[in-house]
Amino acid sequence: MNKLKNLVWNLRIIKDTKGQDLIEYALMAGFVAVAAGAIMPGVATSIGTIFRKVSNTMSTAASQGAS
């Protein structure tokens, strides 16, 4: 019975696509930022600063969540 419950639970997780759109938009924004940085070198430093801030924030959140 537990195997059946696990199978049903796994199928529910696989079918769940609620967060898919958000991830796709985030990836698209990242690609646009990288393309803008490649085309306009003056913007590259600003984009790098933003990515560093996002990375630091995510690292901080991950370390606090793991505690």
N, C-alpha and C. Protein backbone atom coordinates (compact mmCIF):
# COMPACT_ATOMS: atom_id res chain seq x y z
N MET A 1 0.82 -1.20 0.00
CA MET A 1 0.00 0.00 0.00
C MET A 1 0.86 1.25 0.00
N ASN A 2 1.99 1.22 0.74
CA ASN A 2 2.88 2.37 0.77
C ASN A 2 3.48 2.65 -0.60
N LYS A 3 3.80 1.58 -1.34
CA LYS A 3 4.36 1.77 -2.69
C LYS A 3 3.35 2.48 -3.59
N LEU A 4 2.10 2.12 -3.46
CA LEU A 4 1.06 2.75 -4.27
C LEU A 4 0.91 4.23 -3.89
N LYS A 5 0.95 4.52 -2.59
CA LYS A 5 0.87 5.92 -2.15
C LYS A 5 2.06 6.72 -2.67
N ASN A 6 3.25 6.13 -2.60
CA ASN A 6 4.44 6.81 -3.10
C ASN A 6 4.34 7.07 -4.60
N LEU A 7 3.85 6.09 -5.34
CA LEU A 7 3.69 6.26 -6.78
C LEU A 7 2.71 7.39 -7.10
N VAL A 8 1.59 7.41 -6.42
CA VAL A 8 0.60 8.47 -6.64
C VAL A 8 1.20 9.83 -6.28
N TRP A 9 1.91 9.90 -5.18
CA TRP A 9 2.52 11.17 -4.75
C TRP A 9 3.55 11.64 -5.77
N ASN A 10 4.37 10.73 -6.28
CA ASN A 10 5.38 11.09 -7.29
C ASN A 10 4.72 11.57 -8.58
N LEU A 11 3.64 10.94 -8.97
CA LEU A 11 2.94 11.38 -10.18
C LEU A 11 2.34 12.76 -10.01
N ARG A 12 1.87 13.07 -8.82
CA ARG A 12 1.33 14.42 -8.56
C ARG A 12 2.43 15.46 -8.68
N ILE A 13 3.60 15.15 -8.14
CA ILE A 13 4.72 16.10 -8.19
C ILE A 13 5.16 16.32 -9.63
N ILE A 14 5.22 15.23 -10.42
CA ILE A 14 5.64 15.35 -11.81
C ILE A 14 4.65 16.18 -12.62
N LYS A 15 3.37 16.02 -12.36
CA LYS A 15 2.34 16.75 -13.12
C LYS A 15 2.25 18.22 -12.71
N ASP A 16 2.75 18.58 -11.52
CA ASP A 16 2.64 19.94 -11.02
C ASP A 16 3.55 20.87 -11.83
N THR A 17 2.97 21.83 -12.52
CA THR A 17 3.75 22.76 -13.34
C THR A 17 3.49 24.21 -12.95
N LYS A 18 3.06 24.44 -11.72
CA LYS A 18 2.72 25.81 -11.31
C LYS A 18 3.91 26.75 -11.35
N GLY A 19 5.09 26.30 -10.98
CA GLY A 19 6.26 27.17 -10.95
C GLY A 19 7.03 27.22 -12.26
N GLN A 20 6.59 26.48 -13.24
CA GLN A 20 7.31 26.39 -14.50
C GLN A 20 7.39 27.73 -15.21
N ASP A 21 6.32 28.49 -15.26
CA ASP A 21 6.32 29.76 -15.95
C ASP A 21 7.31 30.74 -15.32
N LEU A 22 7.35 30.78 -14.01
CA LEU A 22 8.26 31.68 -13.32
C LEU A 22 9.71 31.36 -13.66
N ILE A 23 10.04 30.09 -13.70
CA ILE A 23 11.40 29.69 -14.03
C ILE A 23 11.73 30.07 -15.47
N GLU A 24 10.79 29.86 -16.37
CA GLU A 24 11.02 30.21 -17.77
C GLU A 24 11.24 31.72 -17.93
N TYR A 25 10.45 32.52 -17.25
CA TYR A 25 10.64 33.97 -17.33
C TYR A 25 11.98 34.39 -16.74
N ALA A 26 12.39 33.77 -15.65
CA ALA A 26 13.68 34.10 -15.04
C ALA A 26 14.83 33.74 -15.98
N LEU A 27 14.74 32.58 -16.63
CA LEU A 27 15.77 32.19 -17.59
C LEU A 27 15.81 33.15 -18.77
N MET A 28 14.65 33.55 -19.26
CA MET A 28 14.60 34.48 -20.38
C MET A 28 15.21 35.83 -20.00
N ALA A 29 14.89 36.30 -18.80
CA ALA A 29 15.47 37.57 -18.34
C ALA A 29 16.99 37.46 -18.24
N GLY A 30 17.47 36.32 -17.77
CA GLY A 30 18.91 36.11 -17.69
C GLY A 30 19.56 36.12 -19.07
N PHE A 31 18.93 35.46 -20.04
CA PHE A 31 19.47 35.45 -21.40
C PHE A 31 19.49 36.86 -22.00
N VAL A 32 18.44 37.62 -21.76
CA VAL A 32 18.39 38.99 -22.28
C VAL A 32 19.49 39.83 -21.63
N ALA A 33 19.71 39.65 -20.34
CA ALA A 33 20.76 40.40 -19.65
C ALA A 33 22.14 40.06 -20.19
N VAL A 34 22.38 38.78 -20.43
CA VAL A 34 23.67 38.37 -20.97
C VAL A 34 23.86 38.92 -22.38
N ALA A 35 22.81 38.87 -23.19
CA ALA A 35 22.89 39.41 -24.55
C ALA A 35 23.13 40.92 -24.52
N ALA A 36 22.46 41.61 -23.62
CA ALA A 36 22.66 43.06 -23.51
C ALA A 36 24.09 43.38 -23.08
N GLY A 37 24.62 42.57 -22.18
CA GLY A 37 26.00 42.77 -21.75
C GLY A 37 26.98 42.53 -22.87
N ALA A 38 26.69 41.57 -23.73
CA ALA A 38 27.59 41.28 -24.86
C ALA A 38 27.52 42.39 -25.91
N ILE A 39 26.33 42.94 -26.11
CA ILE A 39 26.16 43.96 -27.14
C ILE A 39 26.64 45.33 -26.66
N MET A 40 26.36 45.66 -25.41
CA MET A 40 26.72 46.96 -24.86
C MET A 40 27.68 46.76 -23.69
N PRO A 41 28.98 46.88 -23.94
CA PRO A 41 29.97 46.61 -22.88
C PRO A 41 29.81 47.50 -21.65
N GLY A 42 29.30 48.69 -21.82
CA GLY A 42 29.12 49.59 -20.67
C GLY A 42 28.08 49.06 -19.70
N VAL A 43 27.15 48.28 -20.19
CA VAL A 43 26.09 47.73 -19.35
C VAL A 43 26.58 46.47 -18.61
N ALA A 44 27.64 45.86 -19.13
CA ALA A 44 28.13 44.59 -18.59
C ALA A 44 28.49 44.70 -17.11
N THR A 45 29.09 45.80 -16.69
CA THR A 45 29.46 45.94 -15.28
C THR A 45 28.23 46.02 -14.39
N SER A 46 27.21 46.73 -14.86
CA SER A 46 25.97 46.82 -14.08
C SER A 46 25.30 45.47 -13.96
N ILE A 47 25.28 44.72 -15.06
CA ILE A 47 24.68 43.39 -15.04
C ILE A 47 25.46 42.47 -14.12
N GLY A 48 26.78 42.56 -14.16
CA GLY A 48 27.62 41.75 -13.27
C GLY A 48 27.34 42.06 -11.81
N THR A 49 27.15 43.33 -11.49
CA THR A 49 26.84 43.72 -10.12
C THR A 49 25.50 43.13 -9.67
N ILE A 50 24.52 43.19 -10.54
CA ILE A 50 23.19 42.64 -10.21
C ILE A 50 23.28 41.14 -9.98
N PHE A 51 23.98 40.42 -10.87
CA PHE A 51 24.11 38.97 -10.71
C PHE A 51 24.85 38.62 -9.41
N ARG A 52 25.87 39.41 -9.05
CA ARG A 52 26.59 39.15 -7.79
C ARG A 52 25.67 39.36 -6.59
N LYS A 53 24.85 40.41 -6.63
CA LYS A 53 23.91 40.66 -5.52
C LYS A 53 22.90 39.53 -5.40
N VAL A 54 22.38 39.08 -6.53
CA VAL A 54 21.41 37.97 -6.52
C VAL A 54 22.08 36.71 -5.98
N SER A 55 23.30 36.45 -6.44
CA SER A 55 24.02 35.26 -6.00
C SER A 55 24.29 35.31 -4.50
N ASN A 56 24.71 36.46 -4.00
CA ASN A 56 24.97 36.60 -2.55
C ASN A 56 23.69 36.41 -1.75
N THR A 57 22.60 36.99 -2.22
CA THR A 57 21.33 36.85 -1.52
C THR A 57 20.87 35.41 -1.48
N MET A 58 21.00 34.72 -2.61
CA MET A 58 20.59 33.30 -2.66
C MET A 58 21.49 32.44 -1.77
N SER A 59 22.78 32.73 -1.75
CA SER A 59 23.70 31.97 -0.90
C SER A 59 23.36 32.18 0.57
N THR A 60 23.06 33.41 0.94
CA THR A 60 22.69 33.72 2.32
C THR A 60 21.40 33.00 2.71
N ALA A 61 20.42 33.05 1.81
CA ALA A 61 19.14 32.38 2.09
C ALA A 61 19.32 30.87 2.20
N ALA A 62 20.16 30.30 1.36
CA ALA A 62 20.39 28.86 1.39
C ALA A 62 21.10 28.45 2.68
N SER A 63 22.04 29.25 3.12
CA SER A 63 22.76 28.91 4.35
C SER A 63 21.87 29.08 5.58
N GLN A 64 20.97 30.05 5.57
CA GLN A 64 20.05 30.23 6.69
C GLN A 64 18.99 29.15 6.69
N GLY A 65 18.57 28.71 5.51
CA GLY A 65 17.55 27.67 5.42
C GLY A 65 18.10 26.30 5.83
N ALA A 66 19.40 26.10 5.66
CA ALA A 66 20.01 24.82 6.01
C ALA A 66 20.22 24.68 7.51
N SER A 67 20.20 25.79 8.21
CA SER A 67 20.46 25.74 9.67
C SER A 67 19.27 25.24 10.44
